[in-house]
Amino acid sequence: MLRDITMGQYYQTESVIHRLDPRVKLAGTLVYIISLFLFENIAGYVLAALFLTLVIRLSHVPFKFMVRGMKTILFLLLITVVFNLFLTPGEVLVSFWKLTITREGLHSAVFMAIRLCFLIIGASVMTLTTTPNNLTDGMEKGLRPLKLFKVPVHEVAMMMSIALRFIPILLEETDKIMKAQIARGADFESGNLIKRAKALVPLLVPLFISAFRRANDLAMAMEARCYRGGEGRTKMKPLIYQRRDYLAYLCLLLYLVCKITVGKLL
């Protein structure tokens, strides 16, 4: 299960999406997520699905690899669908015991599930095609206007990048600890949901110790390299927009215009 989490991982391959400026991918991800909540009609979601499919094909990242990450949000997806299905008032379709399914609840549950799936896959495309260093540089460049309000942009971007980078590391560490405890007789599979949750408690202590140790090692390494924040720092590979980046912005604008047009017409 832990190996199925793809968020925060980088998939090494050659593609036009990999070569795009990270600022383009950050802006594209933000625009795509916002577009999912603009309108609720089938045509809008079909357009969003076609756009996402095109980006995935251009990224050369296997679709199975992205779908594998959806397994980790099945529980969240199920909760969202159930809440929308049974707690939305409207025209009653089915009623049994104290539970009622309405037409509006069914509509809301289906579209919310589609939104979540598209949102997770869309965000995964960005992290799978962007290295942590490029992601940090892109965030720092994109958030630069916030410096006018005394926001430590470089530090915020660095923390977000480190957090994303630590996700696969901590998952790998958790997998190792689980295998070590299973070899000593621990059981994480049998029993109901509560028993499985209790069985995971012994994982927390060694996992926290390992996380703090890694954080301390990282802090010492940064100090040894005289890291003192973003002031006065230069980039070995500064971000410069290329022709492909402007074309990507144009495609993004066309997608947004088509989305708004379809939403208003239908």
C-alpha atoms as a PDB file:
ATOM      1  CA  MET A   1       0.000   0.000   0.000  1.00  0.00           C
ATOM      2  CA  LEU A   2       2.777   2.423   0.912  1.00  0.00           C
ATOM      3  CA  ARG A   3       4.514   1.814  -2.392  1.00  0.00           C
ATOM      4  CA  ASP A   4       1.374   2.992  -4.175  1.00  0.00           C
ATOM      5  CA  ILE A   5       1.817   6.601  -3.035  1.00  0.00           C
ATOM      6  CA  THR A   6       3.227   8.526  -5.978  1.00  0.00           C
ATOM      7  CA  MET A   7       2.875  12.062  -4.593  1.00  0.00           C
ATOM      8  CA  GLY A   8       6.290  13.626  -4.079  1.00  0.00           C
ATOM      9  CA  GLN A   9       8.113  11.163  -6.335  1.00  0.00           C
ATOM     10  CA  TYR A  10       9.980  12.106  -9.512  1.00  0.00           C
ATOM     11  CA  TYR A  11       9.756   9.918 -12.613  1.00  0.00           C
ATOM     12  CA  GLN A  12      12.920  10.234 -14.700  1.00  0.00           C
ATOM     13  CA  THR A  13      12.285  10.274 -18.450  1.00  0.00           C
ATOM     14  CA  GLU A  14      12.555  12.566 -21.466  1.00  0.00           C
ATOM     15  CA  SER A  15       9.445  14.518 -22.431  1.00  0.00           C
ATOM     16  CA  VAL A  16       8.294  18.009 -23.328  1.00  0.00           C
ATOM     17  CA  ILE A  17       6.482  18.267 -19.970  1.00  0.00           C
ATOM     18  CA  HIS A  18       9.703  17.464 -18.085  1.00  0.00           C
ATOM     19  CA  ARG A  19      11.516  20.227 -19.973  1.00  0.00           C
ATOM     20  CA  LEU A  20       8.927  22.901 -19.199  1.00  0.00           C
ATOM     21  CA  ASP A  21       9.769  25.654 -16.754  1.00  0.00           C
ATOM     22  CA  PRO A  22       8.530  24.674 -13.241  1.00  0.00           C
ATOM     23  CA  ARG A  23       6.622  27.973 -13.036  1.00  0.00           C
ATOM     24  CA  VAL A  24       4.540  26.858 -16.017  1.00  0.00           C
ATOM     25  CA  LYS A  25       3.732  23.545 -14.349  1.00  0.00           C
ATOM     26  CA  LEU A  26       2.864  25.193 -11.035  1.00  0.00           C
ATOM     27  CA  ALA A  27       0.580  27.706 -12.772  1.00  0.00           C
ATOM     28  CA  GLY A  28      -0.926  24.958 -14.930  1.00  0.00           C
ATOM     29  CA  THR A  29      -1.680  22.757 -11.920  1.00  0.00           C
ATOM     30  CA  LEU A  30      -3.309  25.655 -10.076  1.00  0.00           C
ATOM     31  CA  VAL A  31      -5.419  26.652 -13.091  1.00  0.00           C
ATOM     32  CA  TYR A  32      -6.458  23.041 -13.718  1.00  0.00           C
ATOM     33  CA  ILE A  33      -7.547  22.513 -10.098  1.00  0.00           C
ATOM     34  CA  ILE A  34      -9.546  25.765 -10.144  1.00  0.00           C
ATOM     35  CA  SER A  35     -11.161  24.780 -13.449  1.00  0.00           C
ATOM     36  CA  LEU A  36     -12.496  21.582 -11.873  1.00  0.00           C
ATOM     37  CA  PHE A  37     -14.671  23.655  -9.525  1.00  0.00           C
ATOM     38  CA  LEU A  38     -15.925  26.222 -12.036  1.00  0.00           C
ATOM     39  CA  PHE A  39     -18.858  24.319 -13.522  1.00  0.00           C
ATOM     40  CA  GLU A  40     -20.766  21.093 -12.890  1.00  0.00           C
ATOM     41  CA  ASN A  41     -21.696  19.624 -16.252  1.00  0.00           C
ATOM     42  CA  ILE A  42     -20.624  16.564 -18.174  1.00  0.00           C
ATOM     43  CA  ALA A  43     -19.096  18.542 -21.049  1.00  0.00           C
ATOM     44  CA  GLY A  44     -16.817  20.427 -18.648  1.00  0.00           C
ATOM     45  CA  TYR A  45     -15.531  17.228 -17.082  1.00  0.00           C
ATOM     46  CA  VAL A  46     -15.028  15.617 -20.498  1.00  0.00           C
ATOM     47  CA  LEU A  47     -12.922  18.620 -21.510  1.00  0.00           C
ATOM     48  CA  ALA A  48     -10.925  18.369 -18.261  1.00  0.00           C
ATOM     49  CA  ALA A  49     -10.400  14.632 -18.848  1.00  0.00           C
ATOM     50  CA  LEU A  50      -9.195  15.210 -22.431  1.00  0.00           C
ATOM     51  CA  PHE A  51      -6.782  17.931 -21.321  1.00  0.00           C
ATOM     52  CA  LEU A  52      -5.396  15.748 -18.513  1.00  0.00           C
ATOM     53  CA  THR A  53      -5.045  12.761 -20.875  1.00  0.00           C
ATOM     54  CA  LEU A  54      -3.110  14.896 -23.367  1.00  0.00           C
ATOM     55  CA  VAL A  55      -0.720  16.133 -20.653  1.00  0.00           C
ATOM     56  CA  ILE A  56      -0.145  12.591 -19.384  1.00  0.00           C
ATOM     57  CA  ARG A  57       0.613  11.341 -22.897  1.00  0.00           C
ATOM     58  CA  LEU A  58       3.072  14.183 -23.450  1.00  0.00           C
ATOM     59  CA  SER A  59       4.764  13.502 -20.098  1.00  0.00           C
ATOM     60  CA  HIS A  60       5.639   9.883 -21.089  1.00  0.00           C
ATOM     61  CA  VAL A  61       4.839   8.802 -17.519  1.00  0.00           C
ATOM     62  CA  PRO A  62       2.965   5.454 -17.567  1.00  0.00           C
ATOM     63  CA  PHE A  63      -0.722   5.941 -16.792  1.00  0.00           C
ATOM     64  CA  LYS A  64      -0.650   2.845 -14.571  1.00  0.00           C
ATOM     65  CA  PHE A  65       1.958   4.550 -12.408  1.00  0.00           C
ATOM     66  CA  MET A  66      -0.361   7.525 -11.836  1.00  0.00           C
ATOM     67  CA  VAL A  67      -3.484   5.442 -11.247  1.00  0.00           C
ATOM     68  CA  ARG A  68      -1.554   3.404  -8.672  1.00  0.00           C
ATOM     69  CA  GLY A  69      -1.428   6.510  -6.488  1.00  0.00           C
ATOM     70  CA  MET A  70      -5.243   6.606  -6.414  1.00  0.00           C
ATOM     71  CA  LYS A  71      -5.329   3.520  -4.170  1.00  0.00           C
ATOM     72  CA  THR A  72      -4.124   5.589  -1.234  1.00  0.00           C
ATOM     73  CA  ILE A  73      -7.128   7.954  -1.340  1.00  0.00           C
ATOM     74  CA  LEU A  74      -9.842   5.309  -1.737  1.00  0.00           C
ATOM     75  CA  PHE A  75     -10.875   5.708   1.917  1.00  0.00           C
ATOM     76  CA  LEU A  76     -11.102   9.508   1.595  1.00  0.00           C
ATOM     77  CA  LEU A  77     -12.956   9.095  -1.688  1.00  0.00           C
ATOM     78  CA  LEU A  78     -15.420   6.680  -0.097  1.00  0.00           C
ATOM     79  CA  ILE A  79     -16.111   9.032   2.821  1.00  0.00           C
ATOM     80  CA  THR A  80     -16.679  11.961   0.440  1.00  0.00           C
ATOM     81  CA  VAL A  81     -19.071   9.965  -1.734  1.00  0.00           C
ATOM     82  CA  VAL A  82     -21.049   8.630   1.260  1.00  0.00           C
ATOM     83  CA  PHE A  83     -21.435  12.068   2.866  1.00  0.00           C
ATOM     84  CA  ASN A  84     -22.596  13.670  -0.390  1.00  0.00           C
ATOM     85  CA  LEU A  85     -24.846  10.734  -1.222  1.00  0.00           C
ATOM     86  CA  PHE A  86     -26.783  10.543   2.059  1.00  0.00           C
ATOM     87  CA  LEU A  87     -26.586  14.074   3.488  1.00  0.00           C
ATOM     88  CA  THR A  88     -27.637  16.156   0.483  1.00  0.00           C
ATOM     89  CA  PRO A  89     -31.326  17.198   0.589  1.00  0.00           C
ATOM     90  CA  GLY A  90     -33.475  17.106  -2.532  1.00  0.00           C
ATOM     91  CA  GLU A  91     -35.710  14.835  -4.587  1.00  0.00           C
ATOM     92  CA  VAL A  92     -35.816  11.391  -2.938  1.00  0.00           C
ATOM     93  CA  LEU A  93     -34.806   8.447  -5.120  1.00  0.00           C
ATOM     94  CA  VAL A  94     -34.300   5.655  -2.572  1.00  0.00           C
ATOM     95  CA  SER A  95     -35.137   5.565   1.130  1.00  0.00           C
ATOM     96  CA  PHE A  96     -34.382   2.755   3.592  1.00  0.00           C
ATOM     97  CA  TRP A  97     -34.238   2.843   7.398  1.00  0.00           C
ATOM     98  CA  LYS A  98     -32.947   6.363   8.260  1.00  0.00           C
ATOM     99  CA  LEU A  99     -30.909   6.743   5.075  1.00  0.00           C
ATOM    100  CA  THR A 100     -32.129   8.627   2.036  1.00  0.00           C
ATOM    101  CA  ILE A 101     -30.547   8.947  -1.392  1.00  0.00           C
ATOM    102  CA  THR A 102     -31.603  12.006  -3.363  1.00  0.00           C
ATOM    103  CA  ARG A 103     -31.133  12.939  -6.995  1.00  0.00           C
ATOM    104  CA  GLU A 104     -29.041  15.951  -5.962  1.00  0.00           C
ATOM    105  CA  GLY A 105     -26.963  13.789  -3.585  1.00  0.00           C
ATOM    106  CA  LEU A 106     -26.226  11.237  -6.313  1.00  0.00           C
ATOM    107  CA  HIS A 107     -25.257  14.026  -8.711  1.00  0.00           C
ATOM    108  CA  SER A 108     -23.009  15.673  -6.103  1.00  0.00           C
ATOM    109  CA  ALA A 109     -21.361  12.383  -5.071  1.00  0.00           C
ATOM    110  CA  VAL A 110     -20.480  11.380  -8.638  1.00  0.00           C
ATOM    111  CA  PHE A 111     -19.048  14.733  -9.627  1.00  0.00           C
ATOM    112  CA  MET A 112     -17.143  15.156  -6.351  1.00  0.00           C
ATOM    113  CA  ALA A 113     -15.503  11.747  -6.838  1.00  0.00           C
ATOM    114  CA  ILE A 114     -14.492  12.725 -10.389  1.00  0.00           C
ATOM    115  CA  ARG A 115     -13.090  16.028  -9.115  1.00  0.00           C
ATOM    116  CA  LEU A 116     -10.966  14.332  -6.466  1.00  0.00           C
ATOM    117  CA  CYS A 117      -9.576  11.813  -8.952  1.00  0.00           C
ATOM    118  CA  PHE A 118      -8.678  14.493 -11.486  1.00  0.00           C
ATOM    119  CA  LEU A 119      -7.214  16.706  -8.741  1.00  0.00           C
ATOM    120  CA  ILE A 120      -4.897  13.997  -7.375  1.00  0.00           C
ATOM    121  CA  ILE A 121      -3.747  12.852 -10.828  1.00  0.00           C
ATOM    122  CA  GLY A 122      -3.229  16.447 -11.977  1.00  0.00           C
ATOM    123  CA  ALA A 123      -1.107  17.274  -8.920  1.00  0.00           C
ATOM    124  CA  SER A 124       0.838  14.030  -9.392  1.00  0.00           C
ATOM    125  CA  VAL A 125       1.765  15.021 -12.944  1.00  0.00           C
ATOM    126  CA  MET A 126       3.518  18.118 -11.579  1.00  0.00           C
ATOM    127  CA  THR A 127       5.563  16.271  -8.945  1.00  0.00           C
ATOM    128  CA  LEU A 128       6.343  13.323 -11.226  1.00  0.00           C
ATOM    129  CA  THR A 129       7.771  15.601 -13.936  1.00  0.00           C
ATOM    130  CA  THR A 130       9.573  18.163 -11.750  1.00  0.00           C
ATOM    131  CA  THR A 131      12.661  17.623  -9.610  1.00  0.00           C
ATOM    132  CA  PRO A 132      12.579  18.973  -6.027  1.00  0.00           C
ATOM    133  CA  ASN A 133      15.254  21.566  -6.860  1.00  0.00           C
ATOM    134  CA  ASN A 134      13.317  22.888  -9.855  1.00  0.00           C
ATOM    135  CA  LEU A 135      10.133  22.863  -7.815  1.00  0.00           C
ATOM    136  CA  THR A 136      11.800  24.989  -5.133  1.00  0.00           C
ATOM    137  CA  ASP A 137      13.117  27.460  -7.719  1.00  0.00           C
ATOM    138  CA  GLY A 138       9.719  27.666  -9.401  1.00  0.00           C
ATOM    139  CA  MET A 139       7.898  28.304  -6.121  1.00  0.00           C
ATOM    140  CA  GLU A 140      10.423  30.938  -5.116  1.00  0.00           C
ATOM    141  CA  LYS A 141      10.097  32.742  -8.450  1.00  0.00           C
ATOM    142  CA  GLY A 142       6.326  32.499  -8.475  1.00  0.00           C
ATOM    143  CA  LEU A 143       5.922  33.764  -4.906  1.00  0.00           C
ATOM    144  CA  ARG A 144       8.463  36.576  -5.289  1.00  0.00           C
ATOM    145  CA  PRO A 145       5.783  39.354  -5.208  1.00  0.00           C
ATOM    146  CA  LEU A 146       5.001  38.321  -1.615  1.00  0.00           C
ATOM    147  CA  LYS A 147       8.395  39.691  -0.566  1.00  0.00           C
ATOM    148  CA  LEU A 148       6.756  43.118  -0.620  1.00  0.00           C
ATOM    149  CA  PHE A 149       4.726  41.945   2.396  1.00  0.00           C
ATOM    150  CA  LYS A 150       7.846  40.660   4.226  1.00  0.00           C
ATOM    151  CA  VAL A 151       7.018  37.012   3.489  1.00  0.00           C
ATOM    152  CA  PRO A 152      10.160  34.778   3.592  1.00  0.00           C
ATOM    153  CA  VAL A 153       9.525  33.361   0.121  1.00  0.00           C
ATOM    154  CA  HIS A 154      12.776  31.404  -0.207  1.00  0.00           C
ATOM    155  CA  GLU A 155      12.325  29.693   3.162  1.00  0.00           C
ATOM    156  CA  VAL A 156       8.675  28.827   2.440  1.00  0.00           C
ATOM    157  CA  ALA A 157       9.591  27.324  -0.946  1.00  0.00           C
ATOM    158  CA  MET A 158      12.463  25.392   0.618  1.00  0.00           C
ATOM    159  CA  MET A 159      10.220  23.934   3.340  1.00  0.00           C
ATOM    160  CA  MET A 160       7.566  22.860   0.832  1.00  0.00           C
ATOM    161  CA  SER A 161      10.178  21.232  -1.380  1.00  0.00           C
ATOM    162  CA  ILE A 162      11.771  19.382   1.543  1.00  0.00           C
ATOM    163  CA  ALA A 163       8.340  18.212   2.708  1.00  0.00           C
ATOM    164  CA  LEU A 164       7.578  16.793  -0.753  1.00  0.00           C
ATOM    165  CA  ARG A 165      11.006  15.172  -0.951  1.00  0.00           C
ATOM    166  CA  PHE A 166      10.578  13.541   2.465  1.00  0.00           C
ATOM    167  CA  ILE A 167       7.300  11.842   1.533  1.00  0.00           C
ATOM    168  CA  PRO A 168       8.838   8.921  -0.460  1.00  0.00           C
ATOM    169  CA  ILE A 169      11.764   8.721   2.008  1.00  0.00           C
ATOM    170  CA  LEU A 170       9.474   8.335   5.029  1.00  0.00           C
ATOM    171  CA  LEU A 171       7.270   5.865   3.151  1.00  0.00           C
ATOM    172  CA  GLU A 172      10.301   3.738   2.359  1.00  0.00           C
ATOM    173  CA  GLU A 173      11.382   3.939   6.006  1.00  0.00           C
ATOM    174  CA  THR A 174       7.895   2.909   7.147  1.00  0.00           C
ATOM    175  CA  ASP A 175       7.940  -0.060   4.774  1.00  0.00           C
ATOM    176  CA  LYS A 176      11.286  -1.211   6.199  1.00  0.00           C
ATOM    177  CA  ILE A 177      10.048  -0.914   9.796  1.00  0.00           C
ATOM    178  CA  MET A 178       6.862  -2.841   8.966  1.00  0.00           C
ATOM    179  CA  LYS A 179       8.833  -5.672   7.339  1.00  0.00           C
ATOM    180  CA  ALA A 180      11.190  -5.829  10.332  1.00  0.00           C
ATOM    181  CA  GLN A 181       8.263  -6.057  12.766  1.00  0.00           C
ATOM    182  CA  ILE A 182       6.451  -8.627  10.623  1.00  0.00           C
ATOM    183  CA  ALA A 183       9.626 -10.750  10.731  1.00  0.00           C
ATOM    184  CA  ARG A 184       9.364 -10.551  14.553  1.00  0.00           C
ATOM    185  CA  GLY A 185       5.753 -11.745  14.556  1.00  0.00           C
ATOM    186  CA  ALA A 186       3.763  -8.512  14.234  1.00  0.00           C
ATOM    187  CA  ASP A 187       0.404  -8.752  12.452  1.00  0.00           C
ATOM    188  CA  PHE A 188      -0.852  -5.732  10.488  1.00  0.00           C
ATOM    189  CA  GLU A 189      -3.412  -7.496   8.272  1.00  0.00           C
ATOM    190  CA  SER A 190      -5.867  -9.432  10.472  1.00  0.00           C
ATOM    191  CA  GLY A 191      -8.671  -7.980  12.584  1.00  0.00           C
ATOM    192  CA  ASN A 192     -11.095  -5.125  12.051  1.00  0.00           C
ATOM    193  CA  LEU A 193     -10.225  -1.533  11.244  1.00  0.00           C
ATOM    194  CA  ILE A 194      -9.695  -0.564  14.913  1.00  0.00           C
ATOM    195  CA  LYS A 195      -7.346  -3.485  15.567  1.00  0.00           C
ATOM    196  CA  ARG A 196      -5.339  -2.675  12.450  1.00  0.00           C
ATOM    197  CA  ALA A 197      -5.050   0.933  13.575  1.00  0.00           C
ATOM    198  CA  LYS A 198      -3.818  -0.157  17.006  1.00  0.00           C
ATOM    199  CA  ALA A 199      -1.299  -2.495  15.379  1.00  0.00           C
ATOM    200  CA  LEU A 200       0.201   0.484  13.560  1.00  0.00           C
ATOM    201  CA  VAL A 201       0.892   2.379  16.808  1.00  0.00           C
ATOM    202  CA  PRO A 202       4.261   0.612  17.424  1.00  0.00           C
ATOM    203  CA  LEU A 203       5.405   1.971  14.042  1.00  0.00           C
ATOM    204  CA  LEU A 204       5.130   5.579  15.190  1.00  0.00           C
ATOM    205  CA  VAL A 205       8.008   5.632  17.712  1.00  0.00           C
ATOM    206  CA  PRO A 206      10.767   4.289  15.404  1.00  0.00           C
ATOM    207  CA  LEU A 207       9.331   6.312  12.498  1.00  0.00           C
ATOM    208  CA  PHE A 208       9.425   9.565  14.486  1.00  0.00           C
ATOM    209  CA  ILE A 209      12.946   8.801  15.690  1.00  0.00           C
ATOM    210  CA  SER A 210      14.077   8.151  12.128  1.00  0.00           C
ATOM    211  CA  ALA A 211      12.364  11.329  10.871  1.00  0.00           C
ATOM    212  CA  PHE A 212      13.992  13.498  13.556  1.00  0.00           C
ATOM    213  CA  ARG A 213      17.367  11.902  12.847  1.00  0.00           C
ATOM    214  CA  ARG A 214      17.054  12.622   9.137  1.00  0.00           C
ATOM    215  CA  ALA A 215      15.925  16.187   9.840  1.00  0.00           C
ATOM    216  CA  ASN A 216      18.915  16.724  12.124  1.00  0.00           C
ATOM    217  CA  ASP A 217      21.306  15.296   9.521  1.00  0.00           C
ATOM    218  CA  LEU A 218      19.795  17.589   6.882  1.00  0.00           C
ATOM    219  CA  ALA A 219      20.133  20.643   9.136  1.00  0.00           C
ATOM    220  CA  MET A 220      23.788  19.799   9.898  1.00  0.00           C
ATOM    221  CA  ALA A 221      24.523  19.293   6.188  1.00  0.00           C
ATOM    222  CA  MET A 222      22.958  22.669   5.328  1.00  0.00           C
ATOM    223  CA  GLU A 223      24.957  24.397   8.078  1.00  0.00           C
ATOM    224  CA  ALA A 224      28.173  22.702   6.909  1.00  0.00           C
ATOM    225  CA  ARG A 225      27.538  24.208   3.467  1.00  0.00           C
ATOM    226  CA  CYS A 226      27.045  27.675   5.032  1.00  0.00           C
ATOM    227  CA  TYR A 227      23.348  27.896   4.227  1.00  0.00           C
ATOM    228  CA  ARG A 228      21.972  31.180   5.593  1.00  0.00           C
ATOM    229  CA  GLY A 229      18.709  31.631   3.711  1.00  0.00           C
ATOM    230  CA  GLY A 230      17.902  33.130   0.337  1.00  0.00           C
ATOM    231  CA  GLU A 231      19.560  36.537   0.665  1.00  0.00           C
ATOM    232  CA  GLY A 232      22.515  36.930  -1.698  1.00  0.00           C
ATOM    233  CA  ARG A 233      22.206  33.412  -3.101  1.00  0.00           C
ATOM    234  CA  THR A 234      22.678  32.825  -6.817  1.00  0.00           C
ATOM    235  CA  LYS A 235      21.425  29.985  -9.015  1.00  0.00           C
ATOM    236  CA  MET A 236      23.660  27.585 -10.893  1.00  0.00           C
ATOM    237  CA  LYS A 237      20.851  27.117 -13.428  1.00  0.00           C
ATOM    238  CA  PRO A 238      18.607  30.216 -13.386  1.00  0.00           C
ATOM    239  CA  LEU A 239      15.077  29.801 -14.688  1.00  0.00           C
ATOM    240  CA  ILE A 240      14.620  31.386 -18.109  1.00  0.00           C
ATOM    241  CA  TYR A 241      11.448  31.108 -20.148  1.00  0.00           C
ATOM    242  CA  GLN A 242      11.811  29.355 -23.495  1.00  0.00           C
ATOM    243  CA  ARG A 243       9.536  29.341 -26.507  1.00  0.00           C
ATOM    244  CA  ARG A 244       7.924  26.091 -25.384  1.00  0.00           C
ATOM    245  CA  ASP A 245       6.972  27.704 -22.071  1.00  0.00           C
ATOM    246  CA  TYR A 246       5.082  30.523 -23.791  1.00  0.00           C
ATOM    247  CA  LEU A 247       3.332  27.958 -25.999  1.00  0.00           C
ATOM    248  CA  ALA A 248       2.379  26.036 -22.878  1.00  0.00           C
ATOM    249  CA  TYR A 249       0.901  29.191 -21.345  1.00  0.00           C
ATOM    250  CA  LEU A 250      -1.063  29.726 -24.559  1.00  0.00           C
ATOM    251  CA  CYS A 251      -2.424  26.169 -24.446  1.00  0.00           C
ATOM    252  CA  LEU A 252      -3.366  26.683 -20.819  1.00  0.00           C
ATOM    253  CA  LEU A 253      -5.210  29.893 -21.684  1.00  0.00           C
ATOM    254  CA  LEU A 254      -7.060  28.167 -24.535  1.00  0.00           C
ATOM    255  CA  TYR A 255      -8.100  25.355 -22.187  1.00  0.00           C
ATOM    256  CA  LEU A 256      -9.421  27.840 -19.634  1.00  0.00           C
ATOM    257  CA  VAL A 257     -11.345  29.786 -22.298  1.00  0.00           C
ATOM    258  CA  CYS A 258     -12.861  26.560 -23.661  1.00  0.00           C
ATOM    259  CA  LYS A 259     -13.782  25.470 -20.144  1.00  0.00           C
ATOM    260  CA  ILE A 260     -15.542  28.757 -19.369  1.00  0.00           C
ATOM    261  CA  THR A 261     -17.270  28.792 -22.769  1.00  0.00           C
ATOM    262  CA  VAL A 262     -18.542  25.227 -22.420  1.00  0.00           C
ATOM    263  CA  GLY A 263     -19.683  25.912 -18.866  1.00  0.00           C
ATOM    264  CA  LYS A 264     -21.705  28.951 -19.873  1.00  0.00           C
ATOM    265  CA  LEU A 265     -23.243  27.451 -23.006  1.00  0.00           C
ATOM    266  CA  LEU A 266     -24.291  24.191 -21.400  1.00  0.00           C
END
